[in-house]
Amino acid sequence: MRFHICDQNPVSVKLNPQTGELVEYIDQNDLMAHPYKGETRLVECAVCGLDGTELLFVKAAQRM
C-alpha cells in the first residue's frame, strides 16, 4: 500500500468574514484563541484518498 504522511502545522489567524482575506496572525498564547487540539500527523491513502489518523490505518490492517 502507498500512503502520504501529512504533518500538520496549525496557525491561528483572523480572517475577514466577507472576503476570506487574512487580517492577522493570532499568537497562540492569546486568551481568546482556543488552542488547536487536533492530530499533529494525518495519513492519506495514495490509492483512494481516504485520510485519517495513523491508528485508523493500523486498525484496518489488523482486521485483514
PDB file of N, CA and C in Angstrom:
ATOM      1  N   MET A   1       0.843  -1.184   0.000  1.00  0.00           N
ATOM      2  CA  MET A   1       0.000   0.000   0.000  1.00  0.00           C
ATOM      3  C   MET A   1       0.888   1.247   0.000  1.00  0.00           C
ATOM      4  N   ARG A   2       0.357   2.292  -0.553  1.00  0.00           N
ATOM      5  CA  ARG A   2       1.081   3.573  -0.612  1.00  0.00           C
ATOM      6  C   ARG A   2       0.300   4.615   0.169  1.00  0.00           C
ATOM      7  N   PHE A   3       1.040   5.421   0.923  1.00  0.00           N
ATOM      8  CA  PHE A   3       0.410   6.433   1.762  1.00  0.00           C
ATOM      9  C   PHE A   3       1.166   7.748   1.669  1.00  0.00           C
ATOM     10  N   HIS A   4       0.487   8.817   2.012  1.00  0.00           N
ATOM     11  CA  HIS A   4       1.116  10.123   2.207  1.00  0.00           C
ATOM     12  C   HIS A   4       1.042  10.423   3.696  1.00  0.00           C
ATOM     13  N   ILE A   5       2.140  10.880   4.282  1.00  0.00           N
ATOM     14  CA  ILE A   5       2.140  11.330   5.675  1.00  0.00           C
ATOM     15  C   ILE A   5       2.064  12.846   5.652  1.00  0.00           C
ATOM     16  N   CYS A   6       1.050  13.381   6.299  1.00  0.00           N
ATOM     17  CA  CYS A   6       0.795  14.823   6.295  1.00  0.00           C
ATOM     18  C   CYS A   6       1.032  15.372   7.698  1.00  0.00           C
ATOM     19  N   ASP A   7       2.173  16.002   7.911  1.00  0.00           N
ATOM     20  CA  ASP A   7       2.450  16.654   9.189  1.00  0.00           C
ATOM     21  C   ASP A   7       1.753  18.002   9.184  1.00  0.00           C
ATOM     22  N   GLN A   8       0.961  18.241  10.213  1.00  0.00           N
ATOM     23  CA  GLN A   8       0.183  19.476  10.274  1.00  0.00           C
ATOM     24  C   GLN A   8       0.904  20.514  11.120  1.00  0.00           C
ATOM     25  N   ASN A   9       0.834  21.738  10.673  1.00  0.00           N
ATOM     26  CA  ASN A   9       1.406  22.862  11.398  1.00  0.00           C
ATOM     27  C   ASN A   9       0.326  23.941  11.495  1.00  0.00           C
ATOM     28  N   PRO A  10      -0.584  23.812  12.473  1.00  0.00           N
ATOM     29  CA  PRO A  10      -1.687  24.764  12.559  1.00  0.00           C
ATOM     30  C   PRO A  10      -1.208  26.167  12.925  1.00  0.00           C
ATOM     31  N   VAL A  11      -1.837  27.157  12.305  1.00  0.00           N
ATOM     32  CA  VAL A  11      -1.530  28.564  12.553  1.00  0.00           C
ATOM     33  C   VAL A  11      -2.848  29.270  12.839  1.00  0.00           C
ATOM     34  N   SER A  12      -2.918  29.995  13.947  1.00  0.00           N
ATOM     35  CA  SER A  12      -4.128  30.738  14.290  1.00  0.00           C
ATOM     36  C   SER A  12      -4.128  32.069  13.554  1.00  0.00           C
ATOM     37  N   VAL A  13      -5.251  32.361  12.886  1.00  0.00           N
ATOM     38  CA  VAL A  13      -5.362  33.592  12.106  1.00  0.00           C
ATOM     39  C   VAL A  13      -6.741  34.213  12.292  1.00  0.00           C
ATOM     40  N   LYS A  14      -6.836  35.481  11.960  1.00  0.00           N
ATOM     41  CA  LYS A  14      -8.120  36.171  11.895  1.00  0.00           C
ATOM     42  C   LYS A  14      -8.380  36.459  10.422  1.00  0.00           C
ATOM     43  N   LEU A  15      -9.584  36.074   9.940  1.00  0.00           N
ATOM     44  CA  LEU A  15      -9.944  36.267   8.540  1.00  0.00           C
ATOM     45  C   LEU A  15     -11.087  37.266   8.416  1.00  0.00           C
ATOM     46  N   ASN A  16     -11.093  38.010   7.322  1.00  0.00           N
ATOM     47  CA  ASN A  16     -12.191  38.918   7.016  1.00  0.00           C
ATOM     48  C   ASN A  16     -13.396  38.062   6.628  1.00  0.00           C
ATOM     49  N   PRO A  17     -14.550  38.209   7.321  1.00  0.00           N
ATOM     50  CA  PRO A  17     -15.693  37.337   7.038  1.00  0.00           C
ATOM     51  C   PRO A  17     -16.312  37.537   5.653  1.00  0.00           C
ATOM     52  N   GLN A  18     -16.148  38.708   5.054  1.00  0.00           N
ATOM     53  CA  GLN A  18     -16.724  38.951   3.732  1.00  0.00           C
ATOM     54  C   GLN A  18     -15.830  38.436   2.604  1.00  0.00           C
ATOM     55  N   THR A  19     -14.532  38.624   2.739  1.00  0.00           N
ATOM     56  CA  THR A  19     -13.619  38.283   1.645  1.00  0.00           C
ATOM     57  C   THR A  19     -12.801  37.023   1.891  1.00  0.00           C
ATOM     58  N   GLY A  20     -12.682  36.607   3.155  1.00  0.00           N
ATOM     59  CA  GLY A  20     -11.829  35.472   3.487  1.00  0.00           C
ATOM     60  C   GLY A  20     -10.361  35.838   3.532  1.00  0.00           C
ATOM     61  N   GLU A  21     -10.066  37.123   3.335  1.00  0.00           N
ATOM     62  CA  GLU A  21      -8.680  37.600   3.325  1.00  0.00           C
ATOM     63  C   GLU A  21      -8.083  37.533   4.734  1.00  0.00           C
ATOM     64  N   LEU A  22      -6.811  37.182   4.800  1.00  0.00           N
ATOM     65  CA  LEU A  22      -6.089  37.130   6.067  1.00  0.00           C
ATOM     66  C   LEU A  22      -5.938  38.533   6.630  1.00  0.00           C
ATOM     67  N   VAL A  23      -6.407  38.730   7.864  1.00  0.00           N
ATOM     68  CA  VAL A  23      -6.311  40.034   8.516  1.00  0.00           C
ATOM     69  C   VAL A  23      -5.074  40.090   9.399  1.00  0.00           C
ATOM     70  N   GLU A  24      -4.880  39.037  10.216  1.00  0.00           N
ATOM     71  CA  GLU A  24      -3.705  38.997  11.084  1.00  0.00           C
ATOM     72  C   GLU A  24      -3.485  37.588  11.616  1.00  0.00           C
ATOM     73  N   TYR A  25      -2.258  37.341  12.028  1.00  0.00           N
ATOM     74  CA  TYR A  25      -1.916  36.106  12.715  1.00  0.00           C
ATOM     75  C   TYR A  25      -2.179  36.306  14.199  1.00  0.00           C
ATOM     76  N   ILE A  26      -2.682  35.273  14.868  1.00  0.00           N
ATOM     77  CA  ILE A  26      -3.000  35.362  16.284  1.00  0.00           C
ATOM     78  C   ILE A  26      -1.976  34.550  17.069  1.00  0.00           C
ATOM     79  N   ASP A  27      -1.430  35.153  18.104  1.00  0.00           N
ATOM     80  CA  ASP A  27      -0.476  34.474  18.981  1.00  0.00           C
ATOM     81  C   ASP A  27      -1.196  33.327  19.687  1.00  0.00           C
ATOM     82  N   GLN A  28      -0.571  32.161  19.747  1.00  0.00           N
ATOM     83  CA  GLN A  28      -1.205  31.010  20.386  1.00  0.00           C
ATOM     84  C   GLN A  28      -1.392  31.205  21.884  1.00  0.00           C
ATOM     85  N   ASN A  29      -0.732  32.177  22.465  1.00  0.00           N
ATOM     86  CA  ASN A  29      -0.903  32.466  23.887  1.00  0.00           C
ATOM     87  C   ASN A  29      -2.047  33.438  24.137  1.00  0.00           C
ATOM     88  N   ASP A  30      -2.701  33.915  23.071  1.00  0.00           N
ATOM     89  CA  ASP A  30      -3.840  34.823  23.189  1.00  0.00           C
ATOM     90  C   ASP A  30      -4.957  34.112  23.952  1.00  0.00           C
ATOM     91  N   LEU A  31      -5.488  34.760  24.975  1.00  0.00           N
ATOM     92  CA  LEU A  31      -6.515  34.140  25.805  1.00  0.00           C
ATOM     93  C   LEU A  31      -7.818  33.894  25.045  1.00  0.00           C
ATOM     94  N   MET A  32      -8.066  34.645  23.976  1.00  0.00           N
ATOM     95  CA  MET A  32      -9.295  34.484  23.204  1.00  0.00           C
ATOM     96  C   MET A  32      -9.170  33.405  22.122  1.00  0.00           C
ATOM     97  N   ALA A  33      -7.990  32.886  21.915  1.00  0.00           N
ATOM     98  CA  ALA A  33      -7.781  31.865  20.887  1.00  0.00           C
ATOM     99  C   ALA A  33      -7.790  30.482  21.538  1.00  0.00           C
ATOM    100  N   HIS A  34      -8.737  29.662  21.141  1.00  0.00           N
ATOM    101  CA  HIS A  34      -8.806  28.286  21.639  1.00  0.00           C
ATOM    102  C   HIS A  34      -7.660  27.495  21.017  1.00  0.00           C
ATOM    103  N   PRO A  35      -6.856  26.812  21.832  1.00  0.00           N
ATOM    104  CA  PRO A  35      -5.702  26.092  21.265  1.00  0.00           C
ATOM    105  C   PRO A  35      -6.137  24.925  20.378  1.00  0.00           C
ATOM    106  N   TYR A  36      -5.375  24.678  19.319  1.00  0.00           N
ATOM    107  CA  TYR A  36      -5.637  23.569  18.404  1.00  0.00           C
ATOM    108  C   TYR A  36      -5.367  22.262  19.126  1.00  0.00           C
ATOM    109  N   LYS A  37      -6.321  21.345  19.080  1.00  0.00           N
ATOM    110  CA  LYS A  37      -6.168  20.061  19.763  1.00  0.00           C
ATOM    111  C   LYS A  37      -6.273  18.883  18.806  1.00  0.00           C
ATOM    112  N   GLY A  38      -6.158  19.161  17.514  1.00  0.00           N
ATOM    113  CA  GLY A  38      -6.260  18.094  16.518  1.00  0.00           C
ATOM    114  C   GLY A  38      -4.981  17.278  16.430  1.00  0.00           C
ATOM    115  N   GLU A  39      -4.993  16.355  15.511  1.00  0.00           N
ATOM    116  CA  GLU A  39      -3.837  15.488  15.291  1.00  0.00           C
ATOM    117  C   GLU A  39      -2.671  16.277  14.701  1.00  0.00           C
ATOM    118  N   THR A  40      -1.457  15.920  15.097  1.00  0.00           N
ATOM    119  CA  THR A  40      -0.278  16.567  14.525  1.00  0.00           C
ATOM    120  C   THR A  40       0.149  15.879  13.232  1.00  0.00           C
ATOM    121  N   ARG A  41      -0.339  14.660  13.025  1.00  0.00           N
ATOM    122  CA  ARG A  41       0.018  13.910  11.820  1.00  0.00           C
ATOM    123  C   ARG A  41      -1.212  13.163  11.315  1.00  0.00           C
ATOM    124  N   LEU A  42      -1.455  13.267  10.033  1.00  0.00           N
ATOM    125  CA  LEU A  42      -2.506  12.500   9.375  1.00  0.00           C
ATOM    126  C   LEU A  42      -1.868  11.635   8.295  1.00  0.00           C
ATOM    127  N   VAL A  43      -2.548  10.561   7.963  1.00  0.00           N
ATOM    128  CA  VAL A  43      -2.095   9.669   6.903  1.00  0.00           C
ATOM    129  C   VAL A  43      -3.174   9.669   5.827  1.00  0.00           C
ATOM    130  N   GLU A  44      -2.747   9.736   4.564  1.00  0.00           N
ATOM    131  CA  GLU A  44      -3.685   9.689   3.449  1.00  0.00           C
ATOM    132  C   GLU A  44      -3.329   8.512   2.558  1.00  0.00           C
ATOM    133  N   CYS A  45      -4.324   7.713   2.218  1.00  0.00           N
ATOM    134  CA  CYS A  45      -4.114   6.601   1.291  1.00  0.00           C
ATOM    135  C   CYS A  45      -3.841   7.179  -0.089  1.00  0.00           C
ATOM    136  N   ALA A  46      -2.731   6.782  -0.698  1.00  0.00           N
ATOM    137  CA  ALA A  46      -2.358   7.307  -2.011  1.00  0.00           C
ATOM    138  C   ALA A  46      -3.150   6.642  -3.134  1.00  0.00           C
ATOM    139  N   VAL A  47      -3.951   5.629  -2.809  1.00  0.00           N
ATOM    140  CA  VAL A  47      -4.761   4.951  -3.817  1.00  0.00           C
ATOM    141  C   VAL A  47      -6.166   5.551  -3.878  1.00  0.00           C
ATOM    142  N   CYS A  48      -6.833   5.653  -2.704  1.00  0.00           N
ATOM    143  CA  CYS A  48      -8.229   6.106  -2.712  1.00  0.00           C
ATOM    144  C   CYS A  48      -8.422   7.520  -2.166  1.00  0.00           C
ATOM    145  N   GLY A  49      -7.410   8.075  -1.472  1.00  0.00           N
ATOM    146  CA  GLY A  49      -7.513   9.438  -0.960  1.00  0.00           C
ATOM    147  C   GLY A  49      -8.099   9.546   0.431  1.00  0.00           C
ATOM    148  N   LEU A  50      -8.488   8.430   1.052  1.00  0.00           N
ATOM    149  CA  LEU A  50      -9.008   8.465   2.416  1.00  0.00           C
ATOM    150  C   LEU A  50      -7.928   8.979   3.347  1.00  0.00           C
ATOM    151  N   ASP A  51      -8.292   9.908   4.246  1.00  0.00           N
ATOM    152  CA  ASP A  51      -7.300  10.372   5.213  1.00  0.00           C
ATOM    153  C   ASP A  51      -7.846  10.217   6.619  1.00  0.00           C
ATOM    154  N   GLY A  52      -6.923  10.049   7.563  1.00  0.00           N
ATOM    155  CA  GLY A  52      -7.284   9.871   8.961  1.00  0.00           C
ATOM    156  C   GLY A  52      -6.033   9.723   9.795  1.00  0.00           C
ATOM    157  N   THR A  53      -6.242   9.363  11.049  1.00  0.00           N
ATOM    158  CA  THR A  53      -5.108   9.184  11.952  1.00  0.00           C
ATOM    159  C   THR A  53      -4.357   7.905  11.587  1.00  0.00           C
ATOM    160  N   GLU A  54      -3.137   7.820  12.058  1.00  0.00           N
ATOM    161  CA  GLU A  54      -2.348   6.609  11.813  1.00  0.00           C
ATOM    162  C   GLU A  54      -3.060   5.393  12.390  1.00  0.00           C
ATOM    163  N   LEU A  55      -3.692   5.568  13.549  1.00  0.00           N
ATOM    164  CA  LEU A  55      -4.375   4.462  14.219  1.00  0.00           C
ATOM    165  C   LEU A  55      -5.498   3.890  13.352  1.00  0.00           C
ATOM    166  N   LEU A  56      -6.181   4.727  12.594  1.00  0.00           N
ATOM    167  CA  LEU A  56      -7.238   4.262  11.694  1.00  0.00           C
ATOM    168  C   LEU A  56      -6.697   3.223  10.721  1.00  0.00           C
ATOM    169  N   PHE A  57      -5.540   3.490  10.142  1.00  0.00           N
ATOM    170  CA  PHE A  57      -4.959   2.580   9.160  1.00  0.00           C
ATOM    171  C   PHE A  57      -4.346   1.353   9.828  1.00  0.00           C
ATOM    172  N   VAL A  58      -3.803   1.512  11.026  1.00  0.00           N
ATOM    173  CA  VAL A  58      -3.255   0.367  11.762  1.00  0.00           C
ATOM    174  C   VAL A  58      -4.376  -0.614  12.087  1.00  0.00           C
ATOM    175  N   LYS A  59      -5.495  -0.098  12.599  1.00  0.00           N
ATOM    176  CA  LYS A  59      -6.627  -0.964  12.958  1.00  0.00           C
ATOM    177  C   LYS A  59      -7.201  -1.653  11.721  1.00  0.00           C
ATOM    178  N   ALA A  60      -7.281  -0.936  10.605  1.00  0.00           N
ATOM    179  CA  ALA A  60      -7.785  -1.539   9.367  1.00  0.00           C
ATOM    180  C   ALA A  60      -6.868  -2.673   8.907  1.00  0.00           C
ATOM    181  N   ALA A  61      -5.561  -2.491   9.016  1.00  0.00           N
ATOM    182  CA  ALA A  61      -4.605  -3.525   8.609  1.00  0.00           C
ATOM    183  C   ALA A  61      -4.694  -4.738   9.523  1.00  0.00           C
ATOM    184  N   GLN A  62      -4.952  -4.518  10.819  1.00  0.00           N
ATOM    185  CA  GLN A  62      -5.060  -5.631  11.761  1.00  0.00           C
ATOM    186  C   GLN A  62      -6.289  -6.493  11.481  1.00  0.00           C
ATOM    187  N   ARG A  63      -7.329  -5.898  10.893  1.00  0.00           N
ATOM    188  CA  ARG A  63      -8.549  -6.652  10.581  1.00  0.00           C
ATOM    189  C   ARG A  63      -8.399  -7.495   9.319  1.00  0.00           C
ATOM    190  N   MET A  64      -7.344  -7.276   8.545  1.00  0.00           N
ATOM    191  CA  MET A  64      -7.161  -8.025   7.291  1.00  0.00           C
ATOM    192  C   MET A  64      -6.559  -9.378   7.548  1.00  0.00           C
TER     193      MET A  64
END
